């Protein structure tokens, strides 16, 4: 594609995004996201509790006191900390993927509605 074709395609995407935002205020997007988050928590309570614990452990080990506690607990403490950090990162990646899928699905639905 030429640079002019790229610019034209980008302008079209920007115009479509602006139309979406003018047709539906951001507060509705936020409300929908909140409802989706609540539904996810209701469907997966143990996963959310585990993720919250893992994030808390990961953040705690980044503090000075947390690092001292991790070295005091020895090898098993370090394994648990590493596992918690890996779990937190995995949950973050899954959430990002779901967000991207939802945005893509929403775009496809809006394109179908426009046709």
N, C-alpha and C. Protein backbone atom coordinates (compact mmCIF):
# COMPACT_ATOMS: atom_id res chain seq x y z
N UNK A 1 0.84 -1.18 0.00
CA UNK A 1 0.00 0.00 0.00
C UNK A 1 0.88 1.24 0.00
N UNK A 2 0.39 2.24 -0.66
CA UNK A 2 1.13 3.50 -0.66
C UNK A 2 0.83 4.26 0.61
N UNK A 3 1.64 5.27 0.85
CA UNK A 3 1.42 6.06 2.06
C UNK A 3 0.10 6.82 1.98
N UNK A 4 -0.31 7.22 0.78
CA UNK A 4 -1.60 7.92 0.64
C UNK A 4 -2.76 6.98 0.96
N UNK A 5 -2.65 5.74 0.51
CA UNK A 5 -3.69 4.75 0.82
C UNK A 5 -3.74 4.47 2.32
N UNK A 6 -2.58 4.42 2.95
CA UNK A 6 -2.53 4.23 4.40
C UNK A 6 -3.20 5.39 5.12
N UNK A 7 -2.92 6.61 4.66
CA UNK A 7 -3.53 7.79 5.29
C UNK A 7 -5.04 7.77 5.14
N UNK A 8 -5.49 7.41 3.96
CA UNK A 8 -6.93 7.36 3.71
C UNK A 8 -7.59 6.31 4.60
N UNK A 9 -6.98 5.15 4.71
CA UNK A 9 -7.52 4.09 5.56
C UNK A 9 -7.55 4.53 7.01
N UNK A 10 -6.49 5.21 7.45
CA UNK A 10 -6.43 5.69 8.83
C UNK A 10 -7.50 6.74 9.08
N UNK A 11 -7.68 7.64 8.13
CA UNK A 11 -8.73 8.67 8.28
C UNK A 11 -10.11 8.02 8.40
N UNK A 12 -10.35 6.99 7.59
CA UNK A 12 -11.64 6.30 7.65
C UNK A 12 -11.84 5.64 9.01
N UNK A 13 -10.80 5.02 9.53
CA UNK A 13 -10.89 4.38 10.85
C UNK A 13 -11.15 5.42 11.93
N UNK A 14 -10.50 6.57 11.83
CA UNK A 14 -10.71 7.63 12.81
C UNK A 14 -12.14 8.15 12.74
N UNK A 15 -12.64 8.34 11.53
CA UNK A 15 -14.02 8.82 11.38
C UNK A 15 -15.02 7.82 11.95
N UNK A 16 -14.80 6.52 11.70
CA UNK A 16 -15.69 5.50 12.25
C UNK A 16 -15.65 5.52 13.78
N UNK A 17 -14.45 5.65 14.34
CA UNK A 17 -14.33 5.69 15.80
C UNK A 17 -15.02 6.92 16.37
N UNK A 18 -14.89 8.05 15.70
CA UNK A 18 -15.57 9.26 16.18
C UNK A 18 -17.08 9.09 16.10
N UNK A 19 -17.57 8.46 15.05
CA UNK A 19 -19.01 8.22 14.95
C UNK A 19 -19.50 7.30 16.06
N UNK A 20 -18.71 6.26 16.37
CA UNK A 20 -19.09 5.36 17.45
C UNK A 20 -19.18 6.11 18.77
N UNK A 21 -18.21 6.99 19.01
CA UNK A 21 -18.20 7.72 20.27
C UNK A 21 -19.31 8.75 20.34
N UNK A 22 -19.68 9.34 19.24
CA UNK A 22 -20.78 10.31 19.27
C UNK A 22 -22.13 9.61 19.38
N UNK A 23 -22.23 8.40 18.83
CA UNK A 23 -23.49 7.66 18.91
C UNK A 23 -23.71 7.06 20.29
N UNK A 24 -22.63 6.75 20.97
CA UNK A 24 -22.73 6.09 22.28
C UNK A 24 -21.73 6.74 23.21
N UNK A 25 -22.18 7.37 24.27
CA UNK A 25 -21.23 8.07 25.16
C UNK A 25 -20.30 7.10 25.89
N UNK A 26 -19.20 7.64 26.33
CA UNK A 26 -18.19 6.83 27.03
C UNK A 26 -18.74 6.24 28.33
N UNK A 27 -19.70 6.93 28.94
CA UNK A 27 -20.27 6.42 30.19
C UNK A 27 -20.97 5.07 29.96
N UNK A 28 -21.55 4.88 28.79
CA UNK A 28 -22.18 3.59 28.50
C UNK A 28 -21.12 2.49 28.34
N UNK A 29 -20.00 2.82 27.71
CA UNK A 29 -18.91 1.85 27.61
C UNK A 29 -18.40 1.47 28.99
N UNK A 30 -18.26 2.46 29.86
CA UNK A 30 -17.78 2.20 31.22
C UNK A 30 -18.79 1.34 31.98
N UNK A 31 -20.07 1.64 31.83
CA UNK A 31 -21.12 0.88 32.50
C UNK A 31 -21.11 -0.57 32.02
N UNK A 32 -20.98 -0.76 30.70
CA UNK A 32 -20.94 -2.11 30.16
C UNK A 32 -19.71 -2.88 30.66
N UNK A 33 -18.58 -2.20 30.72
CA UNK A 33 -17.36 -2.85 31.22
C UNK A 33 -17.52 -3.25 32.68
N UNK A 34 -18.16 -2.38 33.47
CA UNK A 34 -18.39 -2.71 34.88
C UNK A 34 -19.30 -3.92 35.02
N UNK A 35 -20.36 -3.97 34.21
CA UNK A 35 -21.27 -5.12 34.26
C UNK A 35 -20.56 -6.41 33.84
N UNK A 36 -19.71 -6.32 32.82
CA UNK A 36 -18.95 -7.50 32.38
C UNK A 36 -17.99 -7.97 33.48
N UNK A 37 -17.36 -7.02 34.16
CA UNK A 37 -16.45 -7.38 35.25
C UNK A 37 -17.21 -8.06 36.38
N UNK A 38 -18.37 -7.53 36.72
CA UNK A 38 -19.18 -8.13 37.79
C UNK A 38 -19.63 -9.53 37.39
N UNK A 39 -20.06 -9.69 36.14
CA UNK A 39 -20.47 -11.02 35.68
C UNK A 39 -19.30 -12.00 35.71
N UNK A 40 -18.10 -11.54 35.34
CA UNK A 40 -16.92 -12.41 35.38
C UNK A 40 -16.61 -12.83 36.81
N UNK A 41 -16.70 -11.90 37.74
CA UNK A 41 -16.41 -12.22 39.14
C UNK A 41 -17.43 -13.21 39.68
N UNK A 42 -18.70 -13.02 39.32
CA UNK A 42 -19.74 -13.96 39.77
C UNK A 42 -19.53 -15.35 39.18
N UNK A 43 -19.06 -15.42 37.94
CA UNK A 43 -18.85 -16.71 37.29
C UNK A 43 -17.57 -17.40 37.75
N UNK A 44 -16.56 -16.62 38.18
CA UNK A 44 -15.25 -17.18 38.55
C UNK A 44 -14.75 -16.61 39.88
N UNK A 45 -15.45 -16.82 40.98
CA UNK A 45 -15.02 -16.19 42.24
C UNK A 45 -13.67 -16.68 42.75
N UNK A 46 -13.40 -17.97 42.62
CA UNK A 46 -12.12 -18.48 43.13
C UNK A 46 -10.94 -17.96 42.31
N UNK A 47 -11.13 -17.84 41.02
CA UNK A 47 -10.09 -17.31 40.16
C UNK A 47 -9.78 -15.86 40.54
N UNK A 48 -10.81 -15.08 40.79
CA UNK A 48 -10.61 -13.67 41.15
C UNK A 48 -9.92 -13.56 42.51
N UNK A 49 -10.34 -14.37 43.46
CA UNK A 49 -9.70 -14.35 44.78
C UNK A 49 -8.24 -14.76 44.67
N UNK A 50 -7.98 -15.80 43.89
CA UNK A 50 -6.59 -16.24 43.69
C UNK A 50 -5.76 -15.17 43.00
N UNK A 51 -6.35 -14.52 42.00
CA UNK A 51 -5.63 -13.46 41.29
C UNK A 51 -5.34 -12.30 42.22
N UNK A 52 -6.31 -11.93 43.04
CA UNK A 52 -6.10 -10.83 43.99
C UNK A 52 -5.00 -11.18 44.99
N UNK A 53 -5.01 -12.42 45.46
CA UNK A 53 -3.97 -12.85 46.40
C UNK A 53 -2.60 -12.85 45.73
N UNK A 54 -2.56 -13.31 44.48
CA UNK A 54 -1.28 -13.34 43.76
C UNK A 54 -0.76 -11.94 43.50
N UNK A 55 -1.65 -11.04 43.11
CA UNK A 55 -1.22 -9.66 42.88
C UNK A 55 -0.74 -9.04 44.19
N UNK A 56 -1.46 -9.27 45.26
CA UNK A 56 -1.04 -8.76 46.57
C UNK A 56 0.31 -9.30 46.99
N UNK A 57 0.52 -10.59 46.78
CA UNK A 57 1.81 -11.19 47.12
C UNK A 57 2.92 -10.63 46.25
N UNK A 58 2.63 -10.47 44.96
CA UNK A 58 3.64 -9.93 44.04
C UNK A 58 4.01 -8.50 44.42
N UNK A 59 3.00 -7.69 44.71
CA UNK A 59 3.29 -6.30 45.12
C UNK A 59 3.99 -6.26 46.48
N UNK A 60 3.59 -7.16 47.36
CA UNK A 60 4.23 -7.20 48.67
C UNK A 60 5.70 -7.57 48.61
N UNK A 61 6.05 -8.46 47.69
CA UNK A 61 7.45 -8.85 47.59
C UNK A 61 8.31 -7.76 46.96
N UNK A 62 7.67 -6.79 46.34
CA UNK A 62 8.44 -5.69 45.76
C UNK A 62 8.80 -4.63 46.80
N UNK A 63 8.15 -4.70 47.95
CA UNK A 63 8.48 -3.74 49.01
C UNK A 63 9.70 -4.25 49.77
N UNK A 64 10.30 -3.37 50.56
CA UNK A 64 11.49 -3.74 51.32
C UNK A 64 11.18 -4.84 52.32
N UNK A 65 10.09 -4.69 53.06
CA UNK A 65 9.71 -5.70 54.05
C UNK A 65 9.38 -7.03 53.40
N UNK A 66 8.75 -6.98 52.24
CA UNK A 66 8.41 -8.20 51.53
C UNK A 66 9.63 -8.95 51.05
N UNK A 67 10.63 -8.20 50.60
CA UNK A 67 11.87 -8.86 50.16
C UNK A 67 12.59 -9.51 51.34
N UNK A 68 12.57 -8.83 52.49
CA UNK A 68 13.19 -9.43 53.68
C UNK A 68 12.47 -10.70 54.08
N UNK A 69 11.13 -10.67 54.02
CA UNK A 69 10.36 -11.85 54.39
C UNK A 69 10.60 -12.99 53.41
N UNK A 70 10.74 -12.65 52.12
CA UNK A 70 10.97 -13.68 51.12
C UNK A 70 12.32 -14.35 51.32
N UNK A 71 13.34 -13.58 51.68
CA UNK A 71 14.65 -14.19 51.92
C UNK A 71 14.65 -14.98 53.22
N UNK A 72 13.83 -14.56 54.19
CA UNK A 72 13.77 -15.27 55.46
C UNK A 72 13.06 -16.62 55.32
N UNK A 73 12.10 -16.71 54.40
CA UNK A 73 11.36 -17.97 54.25
C UNK A 73 12.14 -19.00 53.46
N UNK A 74 13.17 -18.58 52.78
CA UNK A 74 14.03 -19.51 52.07
C UNK A 74 13.51 -19.93 50.72
N UNK A 75 13.90 -21.13 50.33
CA UNK A 75 13.64 -21.64 48.99
C UNK A 75 12.15 -21.75 48.67
N UNK A 76 11.37 -22.30 49.60
CA UNK A 76 9.94 -22.47 49.35
C UNK A 76 9.23 -21.13 49.23
N UNK A 77 9.66 -20.16 50.00
CA UNK A 77 9.07 -18.83 49.90
C UNK A 77 9.33 -18.20 48.54
N UNK A 78 10.53 -18.40 48.05
CA UNK A 78 10.85 -17.87 46.71
C UNK A 78 10.05 -18.56 45.62
N UNK A 79 9.85 -19.86 45.76
CA UNK A 79 9.04 -20.59 44.77
C UNK A 79 7.60 -20.08 44.80
N UNK A 80 7.06 -19.90 46.00
CA UNK A 80 5.69 -19.40 46.12
C UNK A 80 5.57 -17.99 45.53
N UNK A 81 6.55 -17.16 45.78
CA UNK A 81 6.54 -15.81 45.25
C UNK A 81 6.61 -15.82 43.73
N UNK A 82 7.49 -16.62 43.18
CA UNK A 82 7.61 -16.72 41.73
C UNK A 82 6.32 -17.25 41.11
N UNK A 83 5.71 -18.22 41.75
CA UNK A 83 4.45 -18.77 41.24
C UNK A 83 3.35 -17.71 41.28
N UNK A 84 3.31 -16.93 42.34
CA UNK A 84 2.29 -15.88 42.44
C UNK A 84 2.49 -14.82 41.37
N UNK A 85 3.73 -14.44 41.14
CA UNK A 85 4.01 -13.45 40.10
C UNK A 85 3.64 -14.00 38.73
N UNK A 86 3.97 -15.25 38.46
CA UNK A 86 3.62 -15.86 37.17
C UNK A 86 2.11 -15.93 37.00
N UNK A 87 1.40 -16.27 38.07
CA UNK A 87 -0.05 -16.33 38.02
C UNK A 87 -0.64 -14.95 37.74
N UNK A 88 -0.13 -13.93 38.41
CA UNK A 88 -0.62 -12.57 38.20
C UNK A 88 -0.39 -12.12 36.77
N UNK A 89 0.78 -12.42 36.23
CA UNK A 89 1.07 -12.04 34.84
C UNK A 89 0.17 -12.78 33.86
N UNK A 90 -0.10 -14.05 34.13
CA UNK A 90 -0.99 -14.83 33.27
C UNK A 90 -2.40 -14.25 33.29
N UNK A 91 -2.88 -13.88 34.47
CA UNK A 91 -4.21 -13.29 34.57
C UNK A 91 -4.27 -11.96 33.83
N UNK A 92 -3.21 -11.19 33.93
CA UNK A 92 -3.16 -9.92 33.21
C UNK A 92 -3.21 -10.15 31.70
N UNK A 93 -2.46 -11.12 31.22
CA UNK A 93 -2.45 -11.42 29.79
C UNK A 93 -3.82 -11.91 29.33
N UNK A 94 -4.46 -12.76 30.12
CA UNK A 94 -5.79 -13.25 29.75
C UNK A 94 -6.80 -12.10 29.71
N UNK A 95 -6.72 -11.20 30.69
CA UNK A 95 -7.63 -10.06 30.70
C UNK A 95 -7.41 -9.17 29.49
N UNK A 96 -6.16 -8.97 29.12
CA UNK A 96 -5.85 -8.17 27.94
C UNK A 96 -6.39 -8.83 26.67
N UNK A 97 -6.23 -10.14 26.57
CA UNK A 97 -6.74 -10.85 25.40
C UNK A 97 -8.25 -10.77 25.32
N UNK A 98 -8.93 -10.92 26.45
CA UNK A 98 -10.40 -10.83 26.46
C UNK A 98 -10.85 -9.42 26.10
N UNK A 99 -10.13 -8.41 26.58
CA UNK A 99 -10.48 -7.03 26.25
C UNK A 99 -10.35 -6.82 24.75
N UNK A 100 -9.27 -7.32 24.17
CA UNK A 100 -9.05 -7.18 22.73
C UNK A 100 -10.12 -7.92 21.93
N UNK A 101 -10.48 -9.13 22.39
CA UNK A 101 -11.52 -9.90 21.71
C UNK A 101 -12.86 -9.17 21.78
N UNK A 102 -13.18 -8.61 22.95
CA UNK A 102 -14.44 -7.89 23.10
C UNK A 102 -14.47 -6.66 22.20
N UNK A 103 -13.37 -5.95 22.12
CA UNK A 103 -13.31 -4.77 21.25
C UNK A 103 -13.46 -5.18 19.79
N UNK A 104 -12.83 -6.27 19.41
CA UNK A 104 -12.93 -6.74 18.03
C UNK A 104 -14.36 -7.17 17.73
N UNK A 105 -14.98 -7.91 18.64
CA UNK A 105 -16.35 -8.36 18.44
C UNK A 105 -17.30 -7.18 18.35
N UNK A 106 -17.08 -6.18 19.18
CA UNK A 106 -17.94 -5.01 19.16
C UNK A 106 -17.79 -4.26 17.84
N UNK A 107 -16.56 -4.16 17.35
CA UNK A 107 -16.33 -3.52 16.06
C UNK A 107 -17.02 -4.27 14.94
N UNK A 108 -16.95 -5.60 14.99
CA UNK A 108 -17.60 -6.41 13.95
C UNK A 108 -19.10 -6.24 14.00
N UNK A 109 -19.66 -6.20 15.22
CA UNK A 109 -21.10 -6.02 15.35
C UNK A 109 -21.54 -4.66 14.83
N UNK A 110 -20.74 -3.65 15.12
CA UNK A 110 -21.09 -2.32 14.63
C UNK A 110 -20.97 -2.25 13.12
N UNK A 111 -19.99 -2.93 12.56
CA UNK A 111 -19.85 -2.96 11.10
C UNK A 111 -21.05 -3.66 10.47
N UNK A 112 -21.50 -4.76 11.09
CA UNK A 112 -22.67 -5.47 10.59
C UNK A 112 -23.93 -4.61 10.70
N UNK A 113 -24.04 -3.88 11.81
CA UNK A 113 -25.20 -3.02 11.99
C UNK A 113 -25.20 -1.88 10.99
N UNK A 114 -24.02 -1.40 10.62
CA UNK A 114 -23.92 -0.31 9.65
C UNK A 114 -24.30 -0.79 8.25
N UNK A 115 -24.02 -2.09 7.97
CA UNK A 115 -24.34 -2.63 6.65
C UNK A 115 -25.81 -2.86 6.58
